[in-house]
Amino acid sequence: MTRRATKAIRQTDRRHLVWQEPNVLFNFGPRSHLPRIGANSGLSFHDYCLNNSAPSCRDTEALVFDNAEDTAQGTDRALMLTEFGATNNHPRIEHIVDLADEHMVSWMWWAYCGCDDPTTSGPGDVQAIVKDPARPPRGANVIRRKLALLQRPYPQVIAGTPTAFGYDRDTDVFRLDYTARAPGGDIPSPRELTTVYVPRRHYPDGYAVHVSGADVVSAPGSQHLLLKRQRGMAKVRLKVRPRA
């Protein structure tokens, strides 16, 4: 079925990624058996724990990422965590976003608002970032402590291939390592820039940058830190910390 659906899509669109999801049990740890469907394909997966207070949550949440990575490598797919959250349990939120950084996987939170969602468990405001979607997302309408867990530095564009990145919430230090070669083996032009999002929420007084292999070409304190690789450098290492 997945191959036939993809073939039908490719009759009119050969450029965009085709995203497919495994069965719902994948969310809790079982493996997927989706087949290869060709180039420009992705695995859209979810990660949940059946009981957010269970000690086993950390293991099962990590297993979902391991299984997603195995599926991606075995079927030549990109990865996107397209749903997690639906909780006010802060350790669970923190663990998932840390796992996403560890595996270098992009993600989407579930959800912007409760919105009378009939599919969630418990009251709808458990999953919300904004209390009332009809009002602007500011002031008391925003659940700020939860937002602070989710809004963190991350690389939006990398002129090369990332090898590791992560954010330490205790020190507000962000690190990124990447190589000059793209995943396909080409070396991007030095004119191509790496973009790192640096939220003011965690750096209200600005930030200091320590970088090797590249130059900072963005304005001081910009929420979008831009790096231009130095010619001839094979690796770039970046550290962002609060300004003293």
C-alpha atoms as a PDB file:
ATOM      1  CA  MET A   1       0.000   0.000   0.000  1.00  0.00           C
ATOM      2  CA  THR A   2       2.790   2.443   0.886  1.00  0.00           C
ATOM      3  CA  ARG A   3       4.586   1.782  -2.398  1.00  0.00           C
ATOM      4  CA  ARG A   4       1.405   2.174  -4.459  1.00  0.00           C
ATOM      5  CA  ALA A   5       0.445   5.410  -2.700  1.00  0.00           C
ATOM      6  CA  THR A   6       3.928   6.835  -3.213  1.00  0.00           C
ATOM      7  CA  LYS A   7       3.933   5.853  -6.897  1.00  0.00           C
ATOM      8  CA  ALA A   8       0.649   7.701  -7.385  1.00  0.00           C
ATOM      9  CA  ILE A   9       2.035  10.820  -5.686  1.00  0.00           C
ATOM     10  CA  ARG A  10       5.198  10.695  -7.791  1.00  0.00           C
ATOM     11  CA  GLN A  11       3.164  10.813 -10.985  1.00  0.00           C
ATOM     12  CA  THR A  12       2.541  14.491 -10.266  1.00  0.00           C
ATOM     13  CA  ASP A  13       5.247  15.483  -7.746  1.00  0.00           C
ATOM     14  CA  ARG A  14       8.824  14.220  -7.824  1.00  0.00           C
ATOM     15  CA  ARG A  15      10.369  17.104  -5.874  1.00  0.00           C
ATOM     16  CA  HIS A  16       8.826  17.123  -2.387  1.00  0.00           C
ATOM     17  CA  LEU A  17       9.340  14.616   0.407  1.00  0.00           C
ATOM     18  CA  VAL A  18       6.700  11.950   0.878  1.00  0.00           C
ATOM     19  CA  TRP A  19       6.153  11.463   4.619  1.00  0.00           C
ATOM     20  CA  GLN A  20       4.755   8.256   6.029  1.00  0.00           C
ATOM     21  CA  GLU A  21       3.946   7.197   9.574  1.00  0.00           C
ATOM     22  CA  PRO A  22       4.331   3.785  11.208  1.00  0.00           C
ATOM     23  CA  ASN A  23       1.430   2.181  13.066  1.00  0.00           C
ATOM     24  CA  VAL A  24       0.362   3.815  16.331  1.00  0.00           C
ATOM     25  CA  LEU A  25       2.062   1.216  18.542  1.00  0.00           C
ATOM     26  CA  PHE A  26       5.404   2.552  17.276  1.00  0.00           C
ATOM     27  CA  ASN A  27       4.766   5.560  19.571  1.00  0.00           C
ATOM     28  CA  PHE A  28       5.357   3.334  22.610  1.00  0.00           C
ATOM     29  CA  GLY A  29       8.386   1.267  21.575  1.00  0.00           C
ATOM     30  CA  PRO A  30       7.539  -1.497  19.029  1.00  0.00           C
ATOM     31  CA  ARG A  31       9.508  -1.441  15.761  1.00  0.00           C
ATOM     32  CA  SER A  32       8.264  -0.468  12.314  1.00  0.00           C
ATOM     33  CA  HIS A  33       8.386  -2.548   9.149  1.00  0.00           C
ATOM     34  CA  LEU A  34       7.693   0.139   6.550  1.00  0.00           C
ATOM     35  CA  PRO A  35       9.363  -0.645   3.204  1.00  0.00           C
ATOM     36  CA  ARG A  36      11.623   1.572   1.128  1.00  0.00           C
ATOM     37  CA  ILE A  37       9.675   3.951  -1.101  1.00  0.00           C
ATOM     38  CA  GLY A  38      12.530   5.658  -2.935  1.00  0.00           C
ATOM     39  CA  ALA A  39      14.252   9.016  -2.789  1.00  0.00           C
ATOM     40  CA  ASN A  40      12.852  12.120  -1.078  1.00  0.00           C
ATOM     41  CA  SER A  41      10.996  10.188   1.592  1.00  0.00           C
ATOM     42  CA  GLY A  42      10.618  10.687   5.324  1.00  0.00           C
ATOM     43  CA  LEU A  43       9.445   8.948   8.473  1.00  0.00           C
ATOM     44  CA  SER A  44       6.986  10.995  10.505  1.00  0.00           C
ATOM     45  CA  PHE A  45       6.853   9.486  13.987  1.00  0.00           C
ATOM     46  CA  HIS A  46       5.376  10.186  17.443  1.00  0.00           C
ATOM     47  CA  ASP A  47       6.803   9.519  20.905  1.00  0.00           C
ATOM     48  CA  TYR A  48       4.619   9.055  23.994  1.00  0.00           C
ATOM     49  CA  CYS A  49       4.654   7.217  27.292  1.00  0.00           C
ATOM     50  CA  LEU A  50       1.469   5.436  28.336  1.00  0.00           C
ATOM     51  CA  ASN A  51       1.996   6.547  31.941  1.00  0.00           C
ATOM     52  CA  ASN A  52       3.968   9.778  32.342  1.00  0.00           C
ATOM     53  CA  SER A  53       4.781   8.986  35.966  1.00  0.00           C
ATOM     54  CA  ALA A  54       6.194   5.507  35.277  1.00  0.00           C
ATOM     55  CA  PRO A  55       9.955   5.032  35.833  1.00  0.00           C
ATOM     56  CA  SER A  56      10.095   3.102  32.543  1.00  0.00           C
ATOM     57  CA  CYS A  57       9.156   6.184  30.516  1.00  0.00           C
ATOM     58  CA  ARG A  58      12.752   7.241  29.945  1.00  0.00           C
ATOM     59  CA  ASP A  59      13.591   3.838  28.477  1.00  0.00           C
ATOM     60  CA  THR A  60      10.556   3.567  26.199  1.00  0.00           C
ATOM     61  CA  GLU A  61      10.887   7.165  24.967  1.00  0.00           C
ATOM     62  CA  ALA A  62      14.542   6.535  24.092  1.00  0.00           C
ATOM     63  CA  LEU A  63      13.604   3.267  22.362  1.00  0.00           C
ATOM     64  CA  VAL A  64      11.231   5.122  20.023  1.00  0.00           C
ATOM     65  CA  PHE A  65      14.124   7.308  18.819  1.00  0.00           C
ATOM     66  CA  ASP A  66      16.391   4.278  18.395  1.00  0.00           C
ATOM     67  CA  ASN A  67      13.726   2.500  16.342  1.00  0.00           C
ATOM     68  CA  ALA A  68      13.105   5.605  14.228  1.00  0.00           C
ATOM     69  CA  GLU A  69      16.819   5.924  13.517  1.00  0.00           C
ATOM     70  CA  ASP A  70      17.057   2.254  12.526  1.00  0.00           C
ATOM     71  CA  THR A  71      14.056   2.622  10.201  1.00  0.00           C
ATOM     72  CA  ALA A  72      15.507   5.755   8.620  1.00  0.00           C
ATOM     73  CA  GLN A  73      18.865   4.108   7.978  1.00  0.00           C
ATOM     74  CA  GLY A  74      17.262   0.946   6.624  1.00  0.00           C
ATOM     75  CA  THR A  75      14.891   2.726   4.255  1.00  0.00           C
ATOM     76  CA  ASP A  76      16.836   5.903   3.324  1.00  0.00           C
ATOM     77  CA  ARG A  77      14.329   8.249   4.958  1.00  0.00           C
ATOM     78  CA  ALA A  78      14.596  11.619   6.635  1.00  0.00           C
ATOM     79  CA  LEU A  79      13.295  11.835  10.210  1.00  0.00           C
ATOM     80  CA  MET A  80      10.787  14.180  11.824  1.00  0.00           C
ATOM     81  CA  LEU A  81       9.225  13.815  15.272  1.00  0.00           C
ATOM     82  CA  THR A  82       5.833  15.252  14.322  1.00  0.00           C
ATOM     83  CA  GLU A  83       4.060  14.729  17.633  1.00  0.00           C
ATOM     84  CA  PHE A  84       4.957  14.525  21.302  1.00  0.00           C
ATOM     85  CA  GLY A  85       3.849  16.224  24.490  1.00  0.00           C
ATOM     86  CA  ALA A  86       0.163  16.567  25.398  1.00  0.00           C
ATOM     87  CA  THR A  87       1.348  16.867  28.993  1.00  0.00           C
ATOM     88  CA  ASN A  88       2.281  19.292  31.737  1.00  0.00           C
ATOM     89  CA  ASN A  89       4.832  16.817  33.096  1.00  0.00           C
ATOM     90  CA  HIS A  90       7.997  18.895  32.747  1.00  0.00           C
ATOM     91  CA  PRO A  91      10.534  16.050  33.127  1.00  0.00           C
ATOM     92  CA  ARG A  92       8.828  14.222  30.256  1.00  0.00           C
ATOM     93  CA  ILE A  93       9.000  17.322  28.060  1.00  0.00           C
ATOM     94  CA  GLU A  94      12.654  17.914  28.904  1.00  0.00           C
ATOM     95  CA  HIS A  95      13.584  14.302  28.236  1.00  0.00           C
ATOM     96  CA  ILE A  96      12.038  14.247  24.771  1.00  0.00           C
ATOM     97  CA  VAL A  97      13.655  17.472  23.556  1.00  0.00           C
ATOM     98  CA  ASP A  98      17.001  16.274  24.934  1.00  0.00           C
ATOM     99  CA  LEU A  99      16.596  13.007  23.026  1.00  0.00           C
ATOM    100  CA  ALA A 100      15.752  14.934  19.869  1.00  0.00           C
ATOM    101  CA  ASP A 101      18.992  16.912  20.176  1.00  0.00           C
ATOM    102  CA  GLU A 102      20.955  13.751  20.913  1.00  0.00           C
ATOM    103  CA  HIS A 103      19.626  12.140  17.736  1.00  0.00           C
ATOM    104  CA  MET A 104      19.693  15.453  15.796  1.00  0.00           C
ATOM    105  CA  VAL A 105      16.000  15.130  14.908  1.00  0.00           C
ATOM    106  CA  SER A 106      13.653  18.037  14.216  1.00  0.00           C
ATOM    107  CA  TRP A 107      10.352  18.044  16.098  1.00  0.00           C
ATOM    108  CA  MET A 108       6.870  19.523  16.506  1.00  0.00           C
ATOM    109  CA  TRP A 109       5.030  19.914  19.821  1.00  0.00           C
ATOM    110  CA  TRP A 110       1.457  18.696  20.351  1.00  0.00           C
ATOM    111  CA  ALA A 111      -0.257  21.095  20.587  1.00  0.00           C
ATOM    112  CA  TYR A 112      -0.708  24.841  20.274  1.00  0.00           C
ATOM    113  CA  CYS A 113      -3.974  24.810  22.217  1.00  0.00           C
ATOM    114  CA  GLY A 114      -6.471  22.458  23.852  1.00  0.00           C
ATOM    115  CA  CYS A 115      -9.066  23.419  21.221  1.00  0.00           C
ATOM    116  CA  ASP A 116     -11.617  20.887  22.531  1.00  0.00           C
ATOM    117  CA  ASP A 117      -9.490  18.115  21.031  1.00  0.00           C
ATOM    118  CA  PRO A 118     -11.390  14.812  21.416  1.00  0.00           C
ATOM    119  CA  THR A 119      -8.288  12.683  20.775  1.00  0.00           C
ATOM    120  CA  THR A 120      -6.158  13.713  23.739  1.00  0.00           C
ATOM    121  CA  SER A 121      -6.158  12.128  27.165  1.00  0.00           C
ATOM    122  CA  GLY A 122      -7.206  14.253  30.120  1.00  0.00           C
ATOM    123  CA  PRO A 123      -8.257  17.907  29.940  1.00  0.00           C
ATOM    124  CA  GLY A 124      -7.342  19.727  26.736  1.00  0.00           C
ATOM    125  CA  ASP A 125      -5.248  22.378  28.490  1.00  0.00           C
ATOM    126  CA  VAL A 126      -2.707  19.668  29.369  1.00  0.00           C
ATOM    127  CA  GLN A 127      -1.377  19.797  25.811  1.00  0.00           C
ATOM    128  CA  ALA A 128      -1.667  23.567  25.307  1.00  0.00           C
ATOM    129  CA  ILE A 129       0.935  26.282  24.971  1.00  0.00           C
ATOM    130  CA  VAL A 130      -1.748  28.934  24.428  1.00  0.00           C
ATOM    131  CA  LYS A 131      -4.879  28.905  26.581  1.00  0.00           C
ATOM    132  CA  ASP A 132      -7.263  30.691  24.194  1.00  0.00           C
ATOM    133  CA  PRO A 133      -6.411  30.386  20.467  1.00  0.00           C
ATOM    134  CA  ALA A 134      -8.818  33.230  19.666  1.00  0.00           C
ATOM    135  CA  ARG A 135      -6.581  35.657  21.573  1.00  0.00           C
ATOM    136  CA  PRO A 136      -3.022  36.756  20.705  1.00  0.00           C
ATOM    137  CA  PRO A 137      -0.218  34.502  22.044  1.00  0.00           C
ATOM    138  CA  ARG A 138       1.093  36.904  24.685  1.00  0.00           C
ATOM    139  CA  GLY A 139       0.752  37.793  28.346  1.00  0.00           C
ATOM    140  CA  ALA A 140      -1.243  35.483  30.582  1.00  0.00           C
ATOM    141  CA  ASN A 141      -2.578  33.652  27.523  1.00  0.00           C
ATOM    142  CA  VAL A 142       0.769  31.836  27.162  1.00  0.00           C
ATOM    143  CA  ILE A 143       1.859  28.990  29.459  1.00  0.00           C
ATOM    144  CA  ARG A 144       5.351  30.396  29.797  1.00  0.00           C
ATOM    145  CA  ARG A 145       7.071  27.765  31.897  1.00  0.00           C
ATOM    146  CA  LYS A 146       6.195  25.080  29.385  1.00  0.00           C
ATOM    147  CA  LEU A 147       7.196  27.327  26.491  1.00  0.00           C
ATOM    148  CA  ALA A 148      10.572  27.920  28.131  1.00  0.00           C
ATOM    149  CA  LEU A 149      11.236  24.162  28.048  1.00  0.00           C
ATOM    150  CA  LEU A 150      10.483  23.999  24.345  1.00  0.00           C
ATOM    151  CA  GLN A 151      12.058  27.237  23.133  1.00  0.00           C
ATOM    152  CA  ARG A 152      15.783  26.511  23.005  1.00  0.00           C
ATOM    153  CA  PRO A 153      18.738  27.144  20.705  1.00  0.00           C
ATOM    154  CA  TYR A 154      18.958  24.908  17.660  1.00  0.00           C
ATOM    155  CA  PRO A 155      20.518  24.895  14.173  1.00  0.00           C
ATOM    156  CA  GLN A 156      17.980  25.888  11.517  1.00  0.00           C
ATOM    157  CA  VAL A 157      20.357  25.542   8.543  1.00  0.00           C
ATOM    158  CA  ILE A 158      23.772  23.882   8.470  1.00  0.00           C
ATOM    159  CA  ALA A 159      26.269  24.475   5.660  1.00  0.00           C
ATOM    160  CA  GLY A 160      27.642  20.953   5.974  1.00  0.00           C
ATOM    161  CA  THR A 161      26.735  17.921   8.074  1.00  0.00           C
ATOM    162  CA  PRO A 162      26.021  18.112  11.809  1.00  0.00           C
ATOM    163  CA  THR A 163      27.892  15.663  13.997  1.00  0.00           C
ATOM    164  CA  ALA A 164      26.484  16.761  17.376  1.00  0.00           C
ATOM    165  CA  PHE A 165      24.507  19.532  19.008  1.00  0.00           C
ATOM    166  CA  GLY A 166      22.792  20.099  22.329  1.00  0.00           C
ATOM    167  CA  TYR A 167      21.606  22.602  24.913  1.00  0.00           C
ATOM    168  CA  ASP A 168      22.298  22.527  28.664  1.00  0.00           C
ATOM    169  CA  ARG A 169      19.323  24.158  30.387  1.00  0.00           C
ATOM    170  CA  ASP A 170      21.201  24.477  33.688  1.00  0.00           C
ATOM    171  CA  THR A 171      23.976  26.637  32.219  1.00  0.00           C
ATOM    172  CA  ASP A 172      22.199  27.916  29.064  1.00  0.00           C
ATOM    173  CA  VAL A 173      25.171  26.701  27.023  1.00  0.00           C
ATOM    174  CA  PHE A 174      24.542  25.498  23.461  1.00  0.00           C
ATOM    175  CA  ARG A 175      27.081  23.540  21.436  1.00  0.00           C
ATOM    176  CA  LEU A 176      27.159  22.586  17.754  1.00  0.00           C
ATOM    177  CA  ASP A 177      29.749  20.601  15.802  1.00  0.00           C
ATOM    178  CA  TYR A 178      29.556  20.081  12.052  1.00  0.00           C
ATOM    179  CA  THR A 179      31.773  19.108   9.139  1.00  0.00           C
ATOM    180  CA  ALA A 180      32.317  21.061   5.942  1.00  0.00           C
ATOM    181  CA  ARG A 181      30.996  18.272   3.719  1.00  0.00           C
ATOM    182  CA  ALA A 182      27.299  17.929   2.975  1.00  0.00           C
ATOM    183  CA  PRO A 183      25.701  14.476   3.488  1.00  0.00           C
ATOM    184  CA  GLY A 184      26.064  13.804  -0.249  1.00  0.00           C
ATOM    185  CA  GLY A 185      29.809  14.455  -0.102  1.00  0.00           C
ATOM    186  CA  ASP A 186      29.901  17.915  -1.703  1.00  0.00           C
ATOM    187  CA  ILE A 187      31.636  20.815   0.035  1.00  0.00           C
ATOM    188  CA  PRO A 188      29.277  23.799   0.308  1.00  0.00           C
ATOM    189  CA  SER A 189      30.566  27.142  -0.866  1.00  0.00           C
ATOM    190  CA  PRO A 190      31.991  29.321   1.928  1.00  0.00           C
ATOM    191  CA  ARG A 191      29.251  31.793   0.973  1.00  0.00           C
ATOM    192  CA  GLU A 192      26.621  29.363   2.296  1.00  0.00           C
ATOM    193  CA  LEU A 193      25.814  30.201   5.899  1.00  0.00           C
ATOM    194  CA  THR A 194      24.884  28.174   8.957  1.00  0.00           C
ATOM    195  CA  THR A 195      21.941  29.615  10.909  1.00  0.00           C
ATOM    196  CA  VAL A 196      21.453  28.969  14.630  1.00  0.00           C
ATOM    197  CA  TYR A 197      18.338  30.213  16.412  1.00  0.00           C
ATOM    198  CA  VAL A 198      19.218  31.770  19.784  1.00  0.00           C
ATOM    199  CA  PRO A 199      16.063  32.726  21.745  1.00  0.00           C
ATOM    200  CA  ARG A 200      16.147  35.896  23.801  1.00  0.00           C
ATOM    201  CA  ARG A 201      14.108  34.078  26.450  1.00  0.00           C
ATOM    202  CA  HIS A 202      17.265  32.288  27.619  1.00  0.00           C
ATOM    203  CA  TYR A 203      19.717  35.088  26.791  1.00  0.00           C
ATOM    204  CA  PRO A 204      17.991  38.293  27.951  1.00  0.00           C
ATOM    205  CA  ASP A 205      21.351  40.058  28.415  1.00  0.00           C
ATOM    206  CA  GLY A 206      22.845  38.769  25.175  1.00  0.00           C
ATOM    207  CA  TYR A 207      25.227  35.907  24.521  1.00  0.00           C
ATOM    208  CA  ALA A 208      28.906  35.236  23.916  1.00  0.00           C
ATOM    209  CA  VAL A 209      30.120  33.105  21.016  1.00  0.00           C
ATOM    210  CA  HIS A 210      33.178  30.850  20.887  1.00  0.00           C
ATOM    211  CA  VAL A 211      33.703  29.374  17.417  1.00  0.00           C
ATOM    212  CA  SER A 212      36.507  27.681  15.514  1.00  0.00           C
ATOM    213  CA  GLY A 213      36.515  27.086  11.775  1.00  0.00           C
ATOM    214  CA  ALA A 214      34.005  29.839  11.004  1.00  0.00           C
ATOM    215  CA  ASP A 215      33.333  33.549  11.453  1.00  0.00           C
ATOM    216  CA  VAL A 216      30.235  35.141  12.951  1.00  0.00           C
ATOM    217  CA  VAL A 217      28.617  37.382  10.313  1.00  0.00           C
ATOM    218  CA  SER A 218      25.386  38.287  12.131  1.00  0.00           C
ATOM    219  CA  ALA A 219      24.840  41.328  14.349  1.00  0.00           C
ATOM    220  CA  PRO A 220      25.708  40.955  18.056  1.00  0.00           C
ATOM    221  CA  GLY A 221      22.785  39.527  20.008  1.00  0.00           C
ATOM    222  CA  SER A 222      20.796  38.564  16.909  1.00  0.00           C
ATOM    223  CA  GLN A 223      18.260  35.786  17.432  1.00  0.00           C
ATOM    224  CA  HIS A 224      19.641  34.251  14.230  1.00  0.00           C
ATOM    225  CA  LEU A 225      23.354  33.611  14.684  1.00  0.00           C
ATOM    226  CA  LEU A 226      25.000  33.313  11.243  1.00  0.00           C
ATOM    227  CA  LEU A 227      28.284  31.478  10.668  1.00  0.00           C
ATOM    228  CA  LYS A 228      30.444  31.662   7.546  1.00  0.00           C
ATOM    229  CA  ARG A 229      32.928  28.810   7.285  1.00  0.00           C
ATOM    230  CA  GLN A 230      36.533  29.834   6.934  1.00  0.00           C
ATOM    231  CA  ARG A 231      38.055  28.713   3.662  1.00  0.00           C
ATOM    232  CA  GLY A 232      39.952  25.444   3.952  1.00  0.00           C
ATOM    233  CA  MET A 233      38.459  24.458   7.319  1.00  0.00           C
ATOM    234  CA  ALA A 234      37.045  20.917   7.500  1.00  0.00           C
ATOM    235  CA  LYS A 235      35.209  21.260  10.826  1.00  0.00           C
ATOM    236  CA  VAL A 236      33.353  23.951  12.734  1.00  0.00           C
ATOM    237  CA  ARG A 237      32.810  23.982  16.502  1.00  0.00           C
ATOM    238  CA  LEU A 238      30.441  26.453  18.151  1.00  0.00           C
ATOM    239  CA  LYS A 239      29.694  27.287  21.776  1.00  0.00           C
ATOM    240  CA  VAL A 240      27.073  29.845  22.815  1.00  0.00           C
ATOM    241  CA  ARG A 241      26.791  30.953  26.443  1.00  0.00           C
ATOM    242  CA  PRO A 242      25.093  33.805  28.305  1.00  0.00           C
ATOM    243  CA  ARG A 243      27.015  37.052  28.284  1.00  0.00           C
ATOM    244  CA  ALA A 244      28.724  37.627  31.618  1.00  0.00           C
END
